[in-house]
């Protein structure tokens, strides 16, 4: 659901493109989805920043920001954190 587009390791910032799976549903037929030129995922993908910060001894904070660096305190931001959490636990 997300792809790392770029990163700034020295600042702990990862620039990600995230597609919320709940927004992917469309009314196109199987033929239209298979052979159509437009990619629905590309249209609905949004850019975010995932910021990893050290907070004291053995503590790390992971923050999600919008593409401009403002806190992303929306449902989508929380879903992105949940997706990351699931990947880290594996």
PDB file of N, CA and C in Angstrom:
ATOM      1  N   UNK A   1       0.803  -1.204   0.000  1.00  0.00           N
ATOM      2  CA  UNK A   1       0.000   0.000   0.000  1.00  0.00           C
ATOM      3  C   UNK A   1       0.841   1.261   0.000  1.00  0.00           C
ATOM      4  N   UNK A   2       2.121   1.136   0.357  1.00  0.00           N
ATOM      5  CA  UNK A   2       2.965   2.320   0.311  1.00  0.00           C
ATOM      6  C   UNK A   2       4.310   1.978  -0.301  1.00  0.00           C
ATOM      7  N   UNK A   3       4.909   3.000  -0.888  1.00  0.00           N
ATOM      8  CA  UNK A   3       6.202   2.865  -1.536  1.00  0.00           C
ATOM      9  C   UNK A   3       7.085   4.005  -1.069  1.00  0.00           C
ATOM     10  N   UNK A   4       8.322   3.688  -0.708  1.00  0.00           N
ATOM     11  CA  UNK A   4       9.272   4.734  -0.336  1.00  0.00           C
ATOM     12  C   UNK A   4       9.780   5.364  -1.625  1.00  0.00           C
ATOM     13  N   UNK A   5       9.495   6.644  -1.786  1.00  0.00           N
ATOM     14  CA  UNK A   5       9.905   7.375  -2.986  1.00  0.00           C
ATOM     15  C   UNK A   5      11.308   7.958  -2.834  1.00  0.00           C
ATOM     16  N   UNK A   6      11.631   8.396  -1.630  1.00  0.00           N
ATOM     17  CA  UNK A   6      12.920   9.037  -1.368  1.00  0.00           C
ATOM     18  C   UNK A   6      13.142   9.023   0.135  1.00  0.00           C
ATOM     19  N   UNK A   7      14.348   9.333   0.564  1.00  0.00           N
ATOM     20  CA  UNK A   7      14.625   9.393   1.999  1.00  0.00           C
ATOM     21  C   UNK A   7      15.776  10.348   2.275  1.00  0.00           C
ATOM     22  N   UNK A   8      15.743  10.899   3.462  1.00  0.00           N
ATOM     23  CA  UNK A   8      16.816  11.741   3.970  1.00  0.00           C
ATOM     24  C   UNK A   8      17.230  11.113   5.293  1.00  0.00           C
ATOM     25  N   UNK A   9      18.142  10.171   5.229  1.00  0.00           N
ATOM     26  CA  UNK A   9      18.514   9.397   6.418  1.00  0.00           C
ATOM     27  C   UNK A   9      19.099  10.256   7.524  1.00  0.00           C
ATOM     28  N   UNK A  10      19.830  11.290   7.165  1.00  0.00           N
ATOM     29  CA  UNK A  10      20.446  12.131   8.197  1.00  0.00           C
ATOM     30  C   UNK A  10      19.394  12.826   9.056  1.00  0.00           C
ATOM     31  N   UNK A  11      18.224  13.094   8.484  1.00  0.00           N
ATOM     32  CA  UNK A  11      17.133  13.741   9.224  1.00  0.00           C
ATOM     33  C   UNK A  11      16.051  12.750   9.645  1.00  0.00           C
ATOM     34  N   UNK A  12      16.183  11.486   9.238  1.00  0.00           N
ATOM     35  CA  UNK A  12      15.204  10.471   9.601  1.00  0.00           C
ATOM     36  C   UNK A  12      13.867  10.642   8.911  1.00  0.00           C
ATOM     37  N   UNK A  13      13.879  11.150   7.680  1.00  0.00           N
ATOM     38  CA  UNK A  13      12.634  11.389   6.950  1.00  0.00           C
ATOM     39  C   UNK A  13      12.553  10.447   5.747  1.00  0.00           C
ATOM     40  N   UNK A  14      11.412   9.779   5.638  1.00  0.00           N
ATOM     41  CA  UNK A  14      11.126   8.908   4.501  1.00  0.00           C
ATOM     42  C   UNK A  14       9.927   9.492   3.767  1.00  0.00           C
ATOM     43  N   UNK A  15      10.086   9.699   2.487  1.00  0.00           N
ATOM     44  CA  UNK A  15       9.017  10.245   1.659  1.00  0.00           C
ATOM     45  C   UNK A  15       8.302   9.059   1.023  1.00  0.00           C
ATOM     46  N   UNK A  16       7.035   8.873   1.364  1.00  0.00           N
ATOM     47  CA  UNK A  16       6.308   7.695   0.904  1.00  0.00           C
ATOM     48  C   UNK A  16       5.074   8.086   0.101  1.00  0.00           C
ATOM     49  N   UNK A  17       4.721   7.208  -0.807  1.00  0.00           N
ATOM     50  CA  UNK A  17       3.484   7.328  -1.579  1.00  0.00           C
ATOM     51  C   UNK A  17       2.572   6.247  -1.031  1.00  0.00           C
ATOM     52  N   UNK A  18       1.415   6.641  -0.550  1.00  0.00           N
ATOM     53  CA  UNK A  18       0.501   5.709   0.109  1.00  0.00           C
ATOM     54  C   UNK A  18      -0.845   5.690  -0.595  1.00  0.00           C
ATOM     55  N   UNK A  19      -1.354   4.492  -0.822  1.00  0.00           N
ATOM     56  CA  UNK A  19      -2.678   4.310  -1.398  1.00  0.00           C
ATOM     57  C   UNK A  19      -3.538   3.638  -0.345  1.00  0.00           C
ATOM     58  N   UNK A  20      -4.586   4.313   0.060  1.00  0.00           N
ATOM     59  CA  UNK A  20      -5.518   3.750   1.022  1.00  0.00           C
ATOM     60  C   UNK A  20      -6.370   2.711   0.298  1.00  0.00           C
ATOM     61  N   UNK A  21      -6.290   1.429   0.698  1.00  0.00           N
ATOM     62  CA  UNK A  21      -7.040   0.399  -0.017  1.00  0.00           C
ATOM     63  C   UNK A  21      -8.547   0.631  -0.009  1.00  0.00           C
ATOM     64  N   UNK A  22      -9.053   1.355   0.976  1.00  0.00           N
ATOM     65  CA  UNK A  22     -10.488   1.622   1.047  1.00  0.00           C
ATOM     66  C   UNK A  22     -10.941   2.593  -0.041  1.00  0.00           C
ATOM     67  N   UNK A  23     -10.000   3.334  -0.633  1.00  0.00           N
ATOM     68  CA  UNK A  23     -10.339   4.309  -1.670  1.00  0.00           C
ATOM     69  C   UNK A  23     -10.182   3.750  -3.081  1.00  0.00           C
ATOM     70  N   UNK A  24      -9.758   2.495  -3.208  1.00  0.00           N
ATOM     71  CA  UNK A  24      -9.465   1.949  -4.531  1.00  0.00           C
ATOM     72  C   UNK A  24     -10.681   1.453  -5.291  1.00  0.00           C
ATOM     73  N   UNK A  25     -11.757   1.170  -4.636  1.00  0.00           N
ATOM     74  CA  UNK A  25     -12.916   0.620  -5.327  1.00  0.00           C
ATOM     75  C   UNK A  25     -13.411   1.540  -6.424  1.00  0.00           C
ATOM     76  N   UNK A  26     -13.614   0.993  -7.592  1.00  0.00           N
ATOM     77  CA  UNK A  26     -14.180   1.773  -8.688  1.00  0.00           C
ATOM     78  C   UNK A  26     -15.220   0.923  -9.407  1.00  0.00           C
ATOM     79  N   UNK A  27     -15.970   1.531 -10.252  1.00  0.00           N
ATOM     80  CA  UNK A  27     -17.049   0.843 -10.931  1.00  0.00           C
ATOM     81  C   UNK A  27     -16.667   0.266 -12.284  1.00  0.00           C
ATOM     82  N   UNK A  28     -15.379   0.233 -12.591  1.00  0.00           N
ATOM     83  CA  UNK A  28     -14.983  -0.268 -13.901  1.00  0.00           C
ATOM     84  C   UNK A  28     -15.117  -1.787 -13.962  1.00  0.00           C
ATOM     85  N   UNK A  29     -15.343  -2.280 -15.148  1.00  0.00           N
ATOM     86  CA  UNK A  29     -15.453  -3.722 -15.363  1.00  0.00           C
ATOM     87  C   UNK A  29     -14.070  -4.363 -15.299  1.00  0.00           C
ATOM     88  N   UNK A  30     -14.056  -5.691 -15.274  1.00  0.00           N
ATOM     89  CA  UNK A  30     -12.786  -6.415 -15.287  1.00  0.00           C
ATOM     90  C   UNK A  30     -11.969  -6.014 -16.510  1.00  0.00           C
ATOM     91  N   UNK A  31     -12.613  -5.934 -17.677  1.00  0.00           N
ATOM     92  CA  UNK A  31     -11.923  -5.559 -18.908  1.00  0.00           C
ATOM     93  C   UNK A  31     -11.324  -4.162 -18.783  1.00  0.00           C
ATOM     94  N   UNK A  32     -12.094  -3.231 -18.245  1.00  0.00           N
ATOM     95  CA  UNK A  32     -11.616  -1.860 -18.079  1.00  0.00           C
ATOM     96  C   UNK A  32     -10.447  -1.770 -17.112  1.00  0.00           C
ATOM     97  N   UNK A  33     -10.512  -2.551 -16.027  1.00  0.00           N
ATOM     98  CA  UNK A  33      -9.409  -2.543 -15.053  1.00  0.00           C
ATOM     99  C   UNK A  33      -8.161  -3.178 -15.642  1.00  0.00           C
ATOM    100  N   UNK A  34      -8.355  -4.242 -16.433  1.00  0.00           N
ATOM    101  CA  UNK A  34      -7.220  -4.972 -16.982  1.00  0.00           C
ATOM    102  C   UNK A  34      -6.554  -4.230 -18.134  1.00  0.00           C
ATOM    103  N   UNK A  35      -7.342  -3.672 -19.027  1.00  0.00           N
ATOM    104  CA  UNK A  35      -6.788  -3.073 -20.234  1.00  0.00           C
ATOM    105  C   UNK A  35      -6.890  -1.553 -20.281  1.00  0.00           C
ATOM    106  N   UNK A  36      -7.476  -0.955 -19.273  1.00  0.00           N
ATOM    107  CA  UNK A  36      -7.605   0.500 -19.245  1.00  0.00           C
ATOM    108  C   UNK A  36      -6.261   1.178 -19.068  1.00  0.00           C
ATOM    109  N   UNK A  37      -6.158   2.393 -19.568  1.00  0.00           N
ATOM    110  CA  UNK A  37      -4.894   3.117 -19.504  1.00  0.00           C
ATOM    111  C   UNK A  37      -4.657   3.796 -18.167  1.00  0.00           C
ATOM    112  N   UNK A  38      -5.716   4.236 -17.509  1.00  0.00           N
ATOM    113  CA  UNK A  38      -5.508   4.965 -16.260  1.00  0.00           C
ATOM    114  C   UNK A  38      -5.342   3.990 -15.107  1.00  0.00           C
ATOM    115  N   UNK A  39      -4.445   4.321 -14.213  1.00  0.00           N
ATOM    116  CA  UNK A  39      -4.192   3.506 -13.037  1.00  0.00           C
ATOM    117  C   UNK A  39      -4.863   4.179 -11.849  1.00  0.00           C
ATOM    118  N   UNK A  40      -5.886   3.553 -11.324  1.00  0.00           N
ATOM    119  CA  UNK A  40      -6.651   4.129 -10.223  1.00  0.00           C
ATOM    120  C   UNK A  40      -5.767   4.365  -9.000  1.00  0.00           C
ATOM    121  N   UNK A  41      -4.818   3.468  -8.758  1.00  0.00           N
ATOM    122  CA  UNK A  41      -3.937   3.619  -7.600  1.00  0.00           C
ATOM    123  C   UNK A  41      -3.096   4.888  -7.718  1.00  0.00           C
ATOM    124  N   UNK A  42      -2.611   5.187  -8.919  1.00  0.00           N
ATOM    125  CA  UNK A  42      -1.817   6.402  -9.106  1.00  0.00           C
ATOM    126  C   UNK A  42      -2.642   7.653  -8.852  1.00  0.00           C
ATOM    127  N   UNK A  43      -3.917   7.628  -9.239  1.00  0.00           N
ATOM    128  CA  UNK A  43      -4.775   8.787  -9.034  1.00  0.00           C
ATOM    129  C   UNK A  43      -5.034   9.035  -7.552  1.00  0.00           C
ATOM    130  N   UNK A  44      -5.167   7.971  -6.775  1.00  0.00           N
ATOM    131  CA  UNK A  44      -5.533   8.098  -5.377  1.00  0.00           C
ATOM    132  C   UNK A  44      -4.324   8.132  -4.443  1.00  0.00           C
ATOM    133  N   UNK A  45      -3.135   7.904  -4.959  1.00  0.00           N
ATOM    134  CA  UNK A  45      -1.931   7.912  -4.136  1.00  0.00           C
ATOM    135  C   UNK A  45      -1.640   9.322  -3.645  1.00  0.00           C
ATOM    136  N   UNK A  46      -1.235   9.405  -2.392  1.00  0.00           N
ATOM    137  CA  UNK A  46      -0.876  10.690  -1.807  1.00  0.00           C
ATOM    138  C   UNK A  46       0.523  10.575  -1.223  1.00  0.00           C
ATOM    139  N   UNK A  47       1.216  11.698  -1.200  1.00  0.00           N
ATOM    140  CA  UNK A  47       2.567  11.718  -0.671  1.00  0.00           C
ATOM    141  C   UNK A  47       2.559  12.123   0.794  1.00  0.00           C
ATOM    142  N   UNK A  48       3.347  11.411   1.574  1.00  0.00           N
ATOM    143  CA  UNK A  48       3.469  11.676   3.004  1.00  0.00           C
ATOM    144  C   UNK A  48       4.932  11.613   3.392  1.00  0.00           C
ATOM    145  N   UNK A  49       5.210  12.131   4.570  1.00  0.00           N
ATOM    146  CA  UNK A  49       6.535  12.013   5.169  1.00  0.00           C
ATOM    147  C   UNK A  49       6.398  11.158   6.416  1.00  0.00           C
ATOM    148  N   UNK A  50       7.251  10.163   6.539  1.00  0.00           N
ATOM    149  CA  UNK A  50       7.330   9.376   7.763  1.00  0.00           C
ATOM    150  C   UNK A  50       8.628   9.799   8.436  1.00  0.00           C
ATOM    151  N   UNK A  51       8.503  10.353   9.635  1.00  0.00           N
ATOM    152  CA  UNK A  51       9.649  10.904  10.345  1.00  0.00           C
ATOM    153  C   UNK A  51       9.971  10.006  11.536  1.00  0.00           C
ATOM    154  N   UNK A  52      11.226   9.568  11.614  1.00  0.00           N
ATOM    155  CA  UNK A  52      11.687   8.733  12.718  1.00  0.00           C
ATOM    156  C   UNK A  52      12.579   9.598  13.600  1.00  0.00           C
ATOM    157  N   UNK A  53      12.179   9.744  14.875  1.00  0.00           N
ATOM    158  CA  UNK A  53      12.921  10.597  15.807  1.00  0.00           C
ATOM    159  C   UNK A  53      13.350   9.795  17.031  1.00  0.00           C
ATOM    160  N   UNK A  54      14.570  10.056  17.496  1.00  0.00           N
ATOM    161  CA  UNK A  54      15.046   9.457  18.743  1.00  0.00           C
ATOM    162  C   UNK A  54      14.522  10.281  19.900  1.00  0.00           C
ATOM    163  N   UNK A  55      13.960   9.586  20.895  1.00  0.00           N
ATOM    164  CA  UNK A  55      13.400  10.255  22.071  1.00  0.00           C
ATOM    165  C   UNK A  55      13.977   9.625  23.332  1.00  0.00           C
ATOM    166  N   UNK A  56      15.165  10.003  23.687  1.00  0.00           N
ATOM    167  CA  UNK A  56      15.765   9.468  24.906  1.00  0.00           C
ATOM    168  C   UNK A  56      16.361   8.091  24.687  1.00  0.00           C
ATOM    169  N   UNK A  57      16.667   7.448  25.806  1.00  0.00           N
ATOM    170  CA  UNK A  57      17.313   6.138  25.762  1.00  0.00           C
ATOM    171  C   UNK A  57      16.354   5.074  25.240  1.00  0.00           C
ATOM    172  N   UNK A  58      16.739   4.430  24.161  1.00  0.00           N
ATOM    173  CA  UNK A  58      16.000   3.307  23.589  1.00  0.00           C
ATOM    174  C   UNK A  58      14.550   3.620  23.237  1.00  0.00           C
ATOM    175  N   UNK A  59      14.249   4.854  22.905  1.00  0.00           N
ATOM    176  CA  UNK A  59      12.894   5.221  22.502  1.00  0.00           C
ATOM    177  C   UNK A  59      12.934   5.915  21.146  1.00  0.00           C
ATOM    178  N   UNK A  60      11.976   5.553  20.332  1.00  0.00           N
ATOM    179  CA  UNK A  60      11.866   6.138  18.998  1.00  0.00           C
ATOM    180  C   UNK A  60      10.414   6.542  18.775  1.00  0.00           C
ATOM    181  N   UNK A  61      10.212   7.691  18.163  1.00  0.00           N
ATOM    182  CA  UNK A  61       8.869   8.141  17.785  1.00  0.00           C
ATOM    183  C   UNK A  61       8.782   8.128  16.264  1.00  0.00           C
ATOM    184  N   UNK A  62       7.662   7.638  15.759  1.00  0.00           N
ATOM    185  CA  UNK A  62       7.413   7.648  14.322  1.00  0.00           C
ATOM    186  C   UNK A  62       6.207   8.542  14.081  1.00  0.00           C
ATOM    187  N   UNK A  63       6.417   9.582  13.281  1.00  0.00           N
ATOM    188  CA  UNK A  63       5.375  10.564  12.998  1.00  0.00           C
ATOM    189  C   UNK A  63       5.022  10.526  11.520  1.00  0.00           C
ATOM    190  N   UNK A  64       3.764  10.778  11.217  1.00  0.00           N
ATOM    191  CA  UNK A  64       3.334  10.891   9.825  1.00  0.00           C
ATOM    192  C   UNK A  64       2.966  12.342   9.576  1.00  0.00           C
ATOM    193  N   UNK A  65       3.523  12.878   8.494  1.00  0.00           N
ATOM    194  CA  UNK A  65       3.254  14.260   8.106  1.00  0.00           C
ATOM    195  C   UNK A  65       2.720  14.278   6.680  1.00  0.00           C
ATOM    196  N   UNK A  66       2.016  15.352   6.335  1.00  0.00           N
ATOM    197  CA  UNK A  66       1.575  15.492   4.948  1.00  0.00           C
ATOM    198  C   UNK A  66       2.778  15.878   4.094  1.00  0.00           C
ATOM    199  N   UNK A  67       2.565  16.085   2.823  1.00  0.00           N
ATOM    200  CA  UNK A  67       3.674  16.373   1.909  1.00  0.00           C
ATOM    201  C   UNK A  67       4.375  17.689   2.207  1.00  0.00           C
ATOM    202  N   UNK A  68       3.725  18.569   2.985  1.00  0.00           N
ATOM    203  CA  UNK A  68       4.324  19.859   3.339  1.00  0.00           C
ATOM    204  C   UNK A  68       4.985  19.846   4.715  1.00  0.00           C
ATOM    205  N   UNK A  69       4.942  18.707   5.409  1.00  0.00           N
ATOM    206  CA  UNK A  69       5.584  18.608   6.710  1.00  0.00           C
ATOM    207  C   UNK A  69       4.685  18.920   7.891  1.00  0.00           C
ATOM    208  N   UNK A  70       3.385  19.040   7.654  1.00  0.00           N
ATOM    209  CA  UNK A  70       2.439  19.299   8.746  1.00  0.00           C
ATOM    210  C   UNK A  70       1.941  17.964   9.294  1.00  0.00           C
ATOM    211  N   UNK A  71       1.636  17.881  10.599  1.00  0.00           N
ATOM    212  CA  UNK A  71       1.156  16.618  11.183  1.00  0.00           C
ATOM    213  C   UNK A  71      -0.073  16.087  10.446  1.00  0.00           C
ATOM    214  N   UNK A  72      -0.055  14.808  10.176  1.00  0.00           N
ATOM    215  CA  UNK A  72      -1.171  14.142   9.485  1.00  0.00           C
ATOM    216  C   UNK A  72      -1.960  13.348  10.526  1.00  0.00           C
ATOM    217  N   UNK A  73      -2.903  14.023  11.173  1.00  0.00           N
ATOM    218  CA  UNK A  73      -3.684  13.424  12.251  1.00  0.00           C
ATOM    219  C   UNK A  73      -5.040  12.936  11.759  1.00  0.00           C
ATOM    220  N   UNK A  74      -5.056  12.354  10.582  1.00  0.00           N
ATOM    221  CA  UNK A  74      -6.301  11.882   9.990  1.00  0.00           C
ATOM    222  C   UNK A  74      -6.377  10.364  10.085  1.00  0.00           C
ATOM    223  N   UNK A  75      -7.496   9.831   9.667  1.00  0.00           N
ATOM    224  CA  UNK A  75      -7.662   8.380   9.627  1.00  0.00           C
ATOM    225  C   UNK A  75      -6.607   7.747   8.728  1.00  0.00           C
ATOM    226  N   UNK A  76      -6.322   8.382   7.607  1.00  0.00           N
ATOM    227  CA  UNK A  76      -5.316   7.851   6.688  1.00  0.00           C
ATOM    228  C   UNK A  76      -3.939   7.829   7.334  1.00  0.00           C
ATOM    229  N   UNK A  77      -3.592   8.876   8.078  1.00  0.00           N
ATOM    230  CA  UNK A  77      -2.321   8.892   8.797  1.00  0.00           C
ATOM    231  C   UNK A  77      -2.223   7.748   9.785  1.00  0.00           C
ATOM    232  N   UNK A  78      -3.313   7.491  10.495  1.00  0.00           N
ATOM    233  CA  UNK A  78      -3.339   6.374  11.442  1.00  0.00           C
ATOM    234  C   UNK A  78      -3.250   5.033  10.728  1.00  0.00           C
ATOM    235  N   UNK A  79      -3.888   4.913   9.572  1.00  0.00           N
ATOM    236  CA  UNK A  79      -3.803   3.675   8.802  1.00  0.00           C
ATOM    237  C   UNK A  79      -2.380   3.433   8.311  1.00  0.00           C
ATOM    238  N   UNK A  80      -1.699   4.489   7.933  1.00  0.00           N
ATOM    239  CA  UNK A  80      -0.310   4.359   7.502  1.00  0.00           C
ATOM    240  C   UNK A  80       0.554   3.872   8.655  1.00  0.00           C
ATOM    241  N   UNK A  81       0.358   4.437   9.848  1.00  0.00           N
ATOM    242  CA  UNK A  81       1.107   3.978  11.023  1.00  0.00           C
ATOM    243  C   UNK A  81       0.796   2.520  11.349  1.00  0.00           C
ATOM    244  N   UNK A  82      -0.462   2.139  11.237  1.00  0.00           N
ATOM    245  CA  UNK A  82      -0.851   0.751  11.497  1.00  0.00           C
ATOM    246  C   UNK A  82      -0.192  -0.192  10.500  1.00  0.00           C
ATOM    247  N   UNK A  83      -0.157   0.203   9.235  1.00  0.00           N
ATOM    248  CA  UNK A  83       0.495  -0.607   8.206  1.00  0.00           C
ATOM    249  C   UNK A  83       1.978  -0.758   8.500  1.00  0.00           C
ATOM    250  N   UNK A  84       2.634   0.323   8.883  1.00  0.00           N
ATOM    251  CA  UNK A  84       4.051   0.261   9.241  1.00  0.00           C
ATOM    252  C   UNK A  84       4.267  -0.645  10.444  1.00  0.00           C
ATOM    253  N   UNK A  85       3.411  -0.526  11.443  1.00  0.00           N
ATOM    254  CA  UNK A  85       3.520  -1.343  12.648  1.00  0.00           C
ATOM    255  C   UNK A  85       3.428  -2.827  12.299  1.00  0.00           C
ATOM    256  N   UNK A  86       2.494  -3.186  11.451  1.00  0.00           N
ATOM    257  CA  UNK A  86       2.344  -4.591  11.043  1.00  0.00           C
ATOM    258  C   UNK A  86       3.581  -5.092  10.318  1.00  0.00           C
ATOM    259  N   UNK A  87       4.177  -4.238   9.486  1.00  0.00           N
ATOM    260  CA  UNK A  87       5.378  -4.636   8.756  1.00  0.00           C
ATOM    261  C   UNK A  87       6.577  -4.798   9.690  1.00  0.00           C
ATOM    262  N   UNK A  88       6.663  -3.958  10.708  1.00  0.00           N
ATOM    263  CA  UNK A  88       7.788  -4.029  11.643  1.00  0.00           C
ATOM    264  C   UNK A  88       7.697  -5.246  12.553  1.00  0.00           C
ATOM    265  N   UNK A  89       6.484  -5.688  12.852  1.00  0.00           N
ATOM    266  CA  UNK A  89       6.298  -6.830  13.739  1.00  0.00           C
ATOM    267  C   UNK A  89       6.674  -8.132  13.048  1.00  0.00           C
ATOM    268  N   UNK A  90       6.518  -8.213  11.742  1.00  0.00           N
ATOM    269  CA  UNK A  90       6.812  -9.454  11.000  1.00  0.00           C
ATOM    270  C   UNK A  90       8.231  -9.898  11.180  1.00  0.00           C
TER     271      UNK A  90
END
